C-alpha atoms as a PDB file:
ATOM      1  CA  MET A   1      -2.721  -8.250  14.185  1.00  0.00           C
ATOM      2  CA  LYS A   2      -6.079  -6.611  13.693  1.00  0.00           C
ATOM      3  CA  PRO A   3      -7.007  -5.880  10.022  1.00  0.00           C
ATOM      4  CA  ILE A   4      -6.101  -2.326   8.858  1.00  0.00           C
ATOM      5  CA  VAL A   5      -7.880  -0.470   6.057  1.00  0.00           C
ATOM      6  CA  GLN A   6      -5.682   1.770   3.957  1.00  0.00           C
ATOM      7  CA  ILE A   7      -6.976   3.989   1.214  1.00  0.00           C
ATOM      8  CA  SER A   8      -4.624   4.861  -1.683  1.00  0.00           C
ATOM      9  CA  LEU A   9      -5.111   8.504  -2.679  1.00  0.00           C
ATOM     10  CA  ASP A  10      -4.003   7.858  -6.334  1.00  0.00           C
ATOM     11  CA  LEU A  11      -5.056  11.397  -7.213  1.00  0.00           C
ATOM     12  CA  THR A  12      -3.194  14.228  -8.870  1.00  0.00           C
ATOM     13  CA  ASN A  13      -4.814  17.124  -6.985  1.00  0.00           C
ATOM     14  CA  ILE A  14      -4.133  17.832  -3.211  1.00  0.00           C
ATOM     15  CA  ASP A  15      -7.564  19.483  -2.680  1.00  0.00           C
ATOM     16  CA  GLU A  16      -9.312  16.391  -4.012  1.00  0.00           C
ATOM     17  CA  ALA A  17      -7.029  14.120  -2.081  1.00  0.00           C
ATOM     18  CA  LEU A  18      -7.711  15.917   1.199  1.00  0.00           C
ATOM     19  CA  GLU A  19     -11.567  15.786   0.503  1.00  0.00           C
ATOM     20  CA  THR A  20     -11.231  12.064  -0.182  1.00  0.00           C
ATOM     21  CA  ALA A  21      -9.173  11.420   2.923  1.00  0.00           C
ATOM     22  CA  ALA A  22     -11.662  13.249   5.127  1.00  0.00           C
ATOM     23  CA  LEU A  23     -14.454  11.162   3.735  1.00  0.00           C
ATOM     24  CA  ALA A  24     -12.338   8.024   4.205  1.00  0.00           C
ATOM     25  CA  MET A  25     -11.622   8.830   7.872  1.00  0.00           C
ATOM     26  CA  ARG A  26     -15.332   9.360   8.566  1.00  0.00           C
ATOM     27  CA  ALA A  27     -15.999   6.041   7.067  1.00  0.00           C
ATOM     28  CA  GLY A  28     -13.522   4.265   9.342  1.00  0.00           C
ATOM     29  CA  VAL A  29     -10.394   4.007   7.282  1.00  0.00           C
ATOM     30  CA  ASP A  30      -7.254   3.554   9.466  1.00  0.00           C
ATOM     31  CA  TRP A  31      -4.305   4.614   7.207  1.00  0.00           C
ATOM     32  CA  LEU A  32      -3.994   7.159   4.456  1.00  0.00           C
ATOM     33  CA  GLU A  33      -1.635   6.577   1.441  1.00  0.00           C
ATOM     34  CA  ALA A  34      -0.039   9.376  -0.586  1.00  0.00           C
ATOM     35  CA  GLY A  35      -0.229   7.442  -3.771  1.00  0.00           C
ATOM     36  CA  THR A  36       2.497   7.660  -6.340  1.00  0.00           C
ATOM     37  CA  PRO A  37       0.445  10.037  -8.670  1.00  0.00           C
ATOM     38  CA  LEU A  38      -0.271  12.395  -5.781  1.00  0.00           C
ATOM     39  CA  ILE A  39       3.562  12.409  -4.851  1.00  0.00           C
ATOM     40  CA  LEU A  40       4.409  13.144  -8.421  1.00  0.00           C
ATOM     41  CA  ALA A  41       1.910  15.922  -8.704  1.00  0.00           C
ATOM     42  CA  GLU A  42       2.280  17.536  -5.224  1.00  0.00           C
ATOM     43  CA  GLY A  43       5.553  16.203  -3.768  1.00  0.00           C
ATOM     44  CA  LEU A  44       6.419  16.849  -0.117  1.00  0.00           C
ATOM     45  CA  HIS A  45       3.811  19.604  -0.139  1.00  0.00           C
ATOM     46  CA  GLY A  46       1.117  16.951  -0.494  1.00  0.00           C
ATOM     47  CA  VAL A  47       2.353  14.818   2.330  1.00  0.00           C
ATOM     48  CA  ARG A  48       2.653  17.930   4.615  1.00  0.00           C
ATOM     49  CA  LYS A  49      -0.876  18.892   3.812  1.00  0.00           C
ATOM     50  CA  LEU A  50      -2.195  15.501   4.707  1.00  0.00           C
ATOM     51  CA  ARG A  51      -0.190  15.532   7.908  1.00  0.00           C
ATOM     52  CA  GLU A  52      -1.524  19.010   8.841  1.00  0.00           C
ATOM     53  CA  ALA A  53      -5.153  17.933   8.143  1.00  0.00           C
ATOM     54  CA  PHE A  54      -4.907  14.473   9.873  1.00  0.00           C
ATOM     55  CA  PRO A  55      -2.499  14.595  12.841  1.00  0.00           C
ATOM     56  CA  GLY A  56      -1.850  11.264  14.407  1.00  0.00           C
ATOM     57  CA  VAL A  57      -3.106   9.273  11.337  1.00  0.00           C
ATOM     58  CA  PRO A  58      -0.576   6.872   9.780  1.00  0.00           C
ATOM     59  CA  ILE A  59       0.403   8.206   6.313  1.00  0.00           C
ATOM     60  CA  VAL A  60       2.044   5.922   3.730  1.00  0.00           C
ATOM     61  CA  ALA A  61       4.181   7.582   1.106  1.00  0.00           C
ATOM     62  CA  ASP A  62       4.244   5.330  -1.887  1.00  0.00           C
ATOM     63  CA  LEU A  63       7.624   6.408  -3.232  1.00  0.00           C
ATOM     64  CA  LYS A  64       8.534   3.209  -5.010  1.00  0.00           C
ATOM     65  CA  THR A  65      12.094   4.016  -4.111  1.00  0.00           C
ATOM     66  CA  MET A  66      14.698   2.628  -6.530  1.00  0.00           C
ATOM     67  CA  ASP A  67      17.753   4.760  -5.481  1.00  0.00           C
ATOM     68  CA  GLY A  68      18.750   7.564  -3.208  1.00  0.00           C
ATOM     69  CA  GLY A  69      16.874   5.671  -0.463  1.00  0.00           C
ATOM     70  CA  TYR A  70      18.083   7.407   2.639  1.00  0.00           C
ATOM     71  CA  LEU A  71      17.436  10.967   1.565  1.00  0.00           C
ATOM     72  CA  GLU A  72      14.084  10.077   0.194  1.00  0.00           C
ATOM     73  CA  VAL A  73      12.951   8.543   3.520  1.00  0.00           C
ATOM     74  CA  GLU A  74      14.394  11.416   5.440  1.00  0.00           C
ATOM     75  CA  MET A  75      12.446  14.027   3.338  1.00  0.00           C
ATOM     76  CA  MET A  76       9.128  12.112   3.618  1.00  0.00           C
ATOM     77  CA  ALA A  77       9.555  11.464   7.297  1.00  0.00           C
ATOM     78  CA  LYS A  78      10.137  15.201   7.891  1.00  0.00           C
ATOM     79  CA  ALA A  79       7.101  15.944   5.865  1.00  0.00           C
ATOM     80  CA  GLY A  80       4.962  13.745   8.155  1.00  0.00           C
ATOM     81  CA  ALA A  81       4.999  10.298   6.513  1.00  0.00           C
ATOM     82  CA  THR A  82       4.990   7.350   8.911  1.00  0.00           C
ATOM     83  CA  HIS A  83       5.582   4.652   6.265  1.00  0.00           C
ATOM     84  CA  VAL A  84       7.531   4.583   3.013  1.00  0.00           C
ATOM     85  CA  VAL A  85       7.765   2.077   0.115  1.00  0.00           C
ATOM     86  CA  VAL A  86      10.994   0.626  -1.387  1.00  0.00           C
ATOM     87  CA  MET A  87      11.106  -1.699  -4.332  1.00  0.00           C
ATOM     88  CA  ALA A  88      12.535  -5.218  -4.156  1.00  0.00           C
ATOM     89  CA  ARG A  89      14.130  -4.791  -7.515  1.00  0.00           C
ATOM     90  CA  ALA A  90      16.190  -1.839  -6.147  1.00  0.00           C
ATOM     91  CA  HIS A  91      19.774  -2.628  -5.320  1.00  0.00           C
ATOM     92  CA  GLU A  92      20.365  -4.369  -2.050  1.00  0.00           C
ATOM     93  CA  GLU A  93      22.263  -1.253  -0.724  1.00  0.00           C
ATOM     94  CA  THR A  94      19.257   0.992  -1.550  1.00  0.00           C
ATOM     95  CA  ILE A  95      16.960  -1.291   0.546  1.00  0.00           C
ATOM     96  CA  LYS A  96      19.468  -1.218   3.379  1.00  0.00           C
ATOM     97  CA  CYS A  97      19.687   2.586   3.274  1.00  0.00           C
ATOM     98  CA  VAL A  98      15.865   2.919   3.305  1.00  0.00           C
ATOM     99  CA  VAL A  99      15.744   0.500   6.289  1.00  0.00           C
ATOM    100  CA  GLN A 100      18.459   2.415   8.158  1.00  0.00           C
ATOM    101  CA  ALA A 101      16.647   5.712   7.367  1.00  0.00           C
ATOM    102  CA  GLY A 102      13.499   4.201   8.675  1.00  0.00           C
ATOM    103  CA  ARG A 103      15.125   3.467  11.978  1.00  0.00           C
ATOM    104  CA  ASP A 104      16.921   6.765  12.186  1.00  0.00           C
ATOM    105  CA  PHE A 105      13.643   8.794  11.512  1.00  0.00           C
ATOM    106  CA  GLY A 106      11.060   6.534  13.105  1.00  0.00           C
ATOM    107  CA  VAL A 107       9.539   5.436   9.809  1.00  0.00           C
ATOM    108  CA  HIS A 108       8.169   2.033   8.927  1.00  0.00           C
ATOM    109  CA  VAL A 109       9.474   0.423   5.678  1.00  0.00           C
ATOM    110  CA  MET A 110       7.104  -1.398   3.292  1.00  0.00           C
ATOM    111  CA  GLY A 111       9.004  -3.451   0.700  1.00  0.00           C
ATOM    112  CA  ASP A 112       7.240  -3.977  -2.642  1.00  0.00           C
ATOM    113  CA  ASN A 113       7.959  -7.235  -4.594  1.00  0.00           C
ATOM    114  CA  MET A 114       6.422  -5.989  -7.944  1.00  0.00           C
ATOM    115  CA  VAL A 115       8.039  -7.535 -11.082  1.00  0.00           C
ATOM    116  CA  CYS A 116      10.303  -9.883  -9.029  1.00  0.00           C
ATOM    117  CA  PRO A 117      10.877 -13.004 -11.108  1.00  0.00           C
ATOM    118  CA  ASP A 118      10.012 -15.050  -7.956  1.00  0.00           C
ATOM    119  CA  MET A 119       7.521 -13.062  -5.974  1.00  0.00           C
ATOM    120  CA  VAL A 120       7.756 -15.337  -2.957  1.00  0.00           C
ATOM    121  CA  ALA A 121      11.498 -15.156  -2.898  1.00  0.00           C
ATOM    122  CA  GLY A 122      11.344 -11.319  -3.406  1.00  0.00           C
ATOM    123  CA  ALA A 123       9.050 -11.013  -0.242  1.00  0.00           C
ATOM    124  CA  LYS A 124      11.402 -13.119   1.814  1.00  0.00           C
ATOM    125  CA  TRP A 125      14.373 -10.943   0.484  1.00  0.00           C
ATOM    126  CA  LEU A 126      12.694  -7.821   1.711  1.00  0.00           C
ATOM    127  CA  GLU A 127      12.075  -9.230   5.101  1.00  0.00           C
ATOM    128  CA  ASP A 128      15.642 -10.441   5.347  1.00  0.00           C
ATOM    129  CA  LEU A 129      16.896  -6.973   4.627  1.00  0.00           C
ATOM    130  CA  GLY A 130      14.831  -5.497   7.421  1.00  0.00           C
ATOM    131  CA  CYS A 131      11.614  -4.322   5.841  1.00  0.00           C
ATOM    132  CA  ASP A 132       8.560  -4.055   8.322  1.00  0.00           C
ATOM    133  CA  TYR A 133       5.931  -4.977   5.820  1.00  0.00           C
ATOM    134  CA  VAL A 134       5.638  -6.679   2.473  1.00  0.00           C
ATOM    135  CA  ILE A 135       3.522  -5.356  -0.390  1.00  0.00           C
ATOM    136  CA  HIS A 136       2.662  -8.267  -2.639  1.00  0.00           C
ATOM    137  CA  HIS A 137       2.026  -6.320  -5.872  1.00  0.00           C
ATOM    138  CA  ILE A 138       0.999  -6.893  -9.416  1.00  0.00           C
ATOM    139  CA  GLY A 139       1.593  -3.720 -11.429  1.00  0.00           C
ATOM    140  CA  TYR A 140      -1.091  -1.490 -13.264  1.00  0.00           C
ATOM    141  CA  ASP A 141       0.655  -1.644 -16.616  1.00  0.00           C
ATOM    142  CA  GLU A 142       1.489  -5.270 -16.290  1.00  0.00           C
ATOM    143  CA  ARG A 143      -2.143  -6.213 -15.571  1.00  0.00           C
ATOM    144  CA  ARG A 144      -3.604  -4.030 -18.339  1.00  0.00           C
ATOM    145  CA  GLY A 145      -0.989  -5.140 -20.845  1.00  0.00           C
ATOM    146  CA  ILE A 146      -1.465  -8.796 -20.269  1.00  0.00           C
ATOM    147  CA  ALA A 147      -5.250  -8.419 -20.513  1.00  0.00           C
ATOM    148  CA  ALA A 148      -4.827  -6.463 -23.731  1.00  0.00           C
ATOM    149  CA  GLN A 149      -3.140  -9.517 -25.218  1.00  0.00           C
ATOM    150  CA  GLY A 150      -6.293 -11.562 -24.488  1.00  0.00           C
ATOM    151  CA  LYS A 151      -4.501 -13.408 -21.629  1.00  0.00           C
ATOM    152  CA  ARG A 152      -5.621 -13.986 -18.181  1.00  0.00           C
ATOM    153  CA  MET A 153      -4.790 -10.961 -15.930  1.00  0.00           C
ATOM    154  CA  PRO A 154      -2.583 -12.035 -13.108  1.00  0.00           C
ATOM    155  CA  SER A 155      -3.748 -11.333  -9.527  1.00  0.00           C
ATOM    156  CA  PRO A 156      -1.849 -10.969  -6.261  1.00  0.00           C
ATOM    157  CA  LEU A 157      -4.113 -13.542  -4.871  1.00  0.00           C
ATOM    158  CA  ASP A 158      -2.526 -16.232  -7.089  1.00  0.00           C
ATOM    159  CA  GLN A 159       0.494 -16.490  -4.684  1.00  0.00           C
ATOM    160  CA  LEU A 160      -0.799 -14.595  -1.731  1.00  0.00           C
ATOM    161  CA  ARG A 161      -0.854 -17.519   0.650  1.00  0.00           C
ATOM    162  CA  GLU A 162       2.696 -18.536  -0.417  1.00  0.00           C
ATOM    163  CA  VAL A 163       3.958 -15.071   0.304  1.00  0.00           C
ATOM    164  CA  VAL A 164       2.230 -14.925   3.671  1.00  0.00           C
ATOM    165  CA  LYS A 165       3.751 -18.252   4.671  1.00  0.00           C
ATOM    166  CA  ALA A 166       7.207 -17.205   3.576  1.00  0.00           C
ATOM    167  CA  VAL A 167       7.481 -14.212   5.820  1.00  0.00           C
ATOM    168  CA  ASN A 168       6.900 -13.295   9.499  1.00  0.00           C
ATOM    169  CA  ILE A 169       5.932  -9.728   8.755  1.00  0.00           C
ATOM    170  CA  PRO A 170       2.498  -8.379   7.743  1.00  0.00           C
ATOM    171  CA  VAL A 171       1.603  -8.609   4.062  1.00  0.00           C
ATOM    172  CA  GLN A 172      -0.559  -6.362   1.906  1.00  0.00           C
ATOM    173  CA  ALA A 173      -1.929  -7.504  -1.509  1.00  0.00           C
ATOM    174  CA  VAL A 174      -2.082  -4.841  -4.247  1.00  0.00           C
ATOM    175  CA  GLY A 175      -3.097  -4.933  -7.847  1.00  0.00           C
ATOM    176  CA  GLY A 176      -6.561  -5.149  -9.591  1.00  0.00           C
ATOM    177  CA  LEU A 177      -8.364  -6.781  -6.739  1.00  0.00           C
ATOM    178  CA  SER A 178     -12.143  -6.487  -6.808  1.00  0.00           C
ATOM    179  CA  LEU A 179     -13.868  -5.193  -3.838  1.00  0.00           C
ATOM    180  CA  GLU A 180     -14.884  -8.613  -2.623  1.00  0.00           C
ATOM    181  CA  GLN A 181     -11.355  -9.906  -3.133  1.00  0.00           C
ATOM    182  CA  ALA A 182      -9.854  -6.964  -1.197  1.00  0.00           C
ATOM    183  CA  ILE A 183     -12.240  -7.583   1.635  1.00  0.00           C
ATOM    184  CA  ARG A 184     -11.287 -11.131   1.923  1.00  0.00           C
ATOM    185  CA  CYS A 185      -7.486 -10.576   2.088  1.00  0.00           C
ATOM    186  CA  PRO A 186      -7.444 -11.140   5.921  1.00  0.00           C
ATOM    187  CA  GLU A 187      -8.708 -14.664   5.178  1.00  0.00           C
ATOM    188  CA  TYR A 188      -5.358 -15.195   3.403  1.00  0.00           C
ATOM    189  CA  GLY A 189      -3.463 -13.970   6.396  1.00  0.00           C
ATOM    190  CA  ALA A 190      -2.890 -10.547   4.896  1.00  0.00           C
ATOM    191  CA  PRO A 191      -4.263  -8.042   7.325  1.00  0.00           C
ATOM    192  CA  LEU A 192      -3.339  -4.765   5.516  1.00  0.00           C
ATOM    193  CA  VAL A 193      -6.156  -4.184   3.130  1.00  0.00           C
ATOM    194  CA  VAL A 194      -5.601  -1.295   0.604  1.00  0.00           C
ATOM    195  CA  LEU A 195      -8.460   0.289  -1.293  1.00  0.00           C
ATOM    196  CA  GLY A 196      -7.583   2.352  -4.281  1.00  0.00           C
ATOM    197  CA  ALA A 197      -8.042   2.079  -8.025  1.00  0.00           C
ATOM    198  CA  PRO A 198     -10.304   0.750  -9.325  1.00  0.00           C
ATOM    199  CA  LEU A 199     -12.287   0.435  -5.979  1.00  0.00           C
ATOM    200  CA  THR A 200     -12.428   4.055  -4.958  1.00  0.00           C
ATOM    201  CA  ILE A 201     -10.414   5.796  -7.578  1.00  0.00           C
ATOM    202  CA  ASP A 202     -11.202   5.891 -11.400  1.00  0.00           C
ATOM    203  CA  ALA A 203      -8.259   3.905 -12.675  1.00  0.00           C
ATOM    204  CA  ASP A 204      -8.199   5.702 -16.022  1.00  0.00           C
ATOM    205  CA  SER A 205      -8.575   9.421 -14.944  1.00  0.00           C
ATOM    206  CA  PHE A 206      -7.146   9.187 -11.389  1.00  0.00           C
ATOM    207  CA  LYS A 207     -10.070  11.030 -10.006  1.00  0.00           C
ATOM    208  CA  THR A 208     -12.376  10.022  -7.200  1.00  0.00           C
ATOM    209  CA  ALA A 209     -14.853   7.227  -8.194  1.00  0.00           C
ATOM    210  CA  LYS A 210     -18.463   8.306  -8.674  1.00  0.00           C
ATOM    211  CA  GLY A 211     -21.396   7.327  -6.322  1.00  0.00           C
ATOM    212  CA  ASP A 212     -21.848   7.329  -2.590  1.00  0.00           C
ATOM    213  CA  LEU A 213     -18.283   6.587  -1.849  1.00  0.00           C
ATOM    214  CA  GLU A 214     -18.510   7.326   1.901  1.00  0.00           C
ATOM    215  CA  SER A 215     -21.376   4.894   2.528  1.00  0.00           C
ATOM    216  CA  SER A 216     -19.569   2.276   0.473  1.00  0.00           C
ATOM    217  CA  LEU A 217     -16.354   2.711   2.339  1.00  0.00           C
ATOM    218  CA  ARG A 218     -18.092   2.564   5.688  1.00  0.00           C
ATOM    219  CA  LEU A 219     -19.551  -0.898   4.869  1.00  0.00           C
ATOM    220  CA  ILE A 220     -16.221  -2.035   3.531  1.00  0.00           C
ATOM    221  CA  CYS A 221     -14.475  -0.950   6.736  1.00  0.00           C
ATOM    222  CA  GLU A 222     -17.035  -2.679   8.915  1.00  0.00           C
ATOM    223  CA  ARG A 223     -16.636  -5.999   6.994  1.00  0.00           C
ATOM    224  CA  ILE A 224     -12.882  -5.862   7.095  1.00  0.00           C
ATOM    225  CA  HIS A 225     -12.581  -4.827  10.762  1.00  0.00           C
ATOM    226  CA  ALA A 226     -15.083  -7.595  11.648  1.00  0.00           C
ATOM    227  CA  TYR A 227     -12.418 -10.159  11.006  1.00  0.00           C
ATOM    228  CA  GLY A 228     -10.729  -9.487  14.241  1.00  0.00           C
ATOM    229  CA  ASP A 229      -7.230 -10.555  14.876  1.00  0.00           C
ATOM    230  CA  VAL A 230      -5.405 -12.048  11.929  1.00  0.00           C
ATOM    231  CA  LEU A 231      -2.465 -14.471  12.280  1.00  0.00           C
ATOM    232  CA  VAL A 232       0.350 -13.314   9.960  1.00  0.00           C
ATOM    233  CA  GLY A 233       3.379 -15.058   8.403  1.00  0.00           C
ATOM    234  CA  LYS A 234       4.375 -18.463   9.377  1.00  0.00           C
ATOM    235  CA  LYS A 235       1.975 -18.451  12.229  1.00  0.00           C
ATOM    236  CA  ASN A 236      -0.866 -18.615   9.628  1.00  0.00           C
ATOM    237  CA  THR A 237      -0.110 -22.240   8.604  1.00  0.00           C
END
């Protein structure tokens, strides 16, 4: 699988999200993500606006679904999303509903293993239930809270290789990665590289980061795409 660059639009304003998305597409980003803050602020309207502005571009709706899975997928699919996110800590029946809705509406399902007691087992669980991708995720509050206690902040890289080897579907690592760490994710067998807070979004204000973001993104995309094909899952042993 060739590496894919996804930008997480963790913004709370659709106009700013559209501007950032346009900049990202010019820079070479492959997928757009309607981040959870954007979905909370703009809902289906925000996803529709992204679809209108960027026809044909994959759009991930980061719903973090925990219940009502079928309806949430149906609504986002009809608004233009091509990918949705369900949590591994949701009930098994919810994950099954999301997977079924994904099949019914032609949407890919990304399963998120955040806060699973066993992150590797959580990833495998998501695959077994029919998810198309795994998001190996260390949460925002978890990272910041642990760091505030003076402890080492956990990183998705800690177990990324184990997660990749445990499943046969593509893996994405999310949660506090530095720019260099994100760029190197394909080396771990994780070809879906997500760029968001704090790489492109101010993690405290949820606004676009300052500086020449487009030029930076272009260089990032070039480096990630230069990896070429990445072997995923158990093939990467």
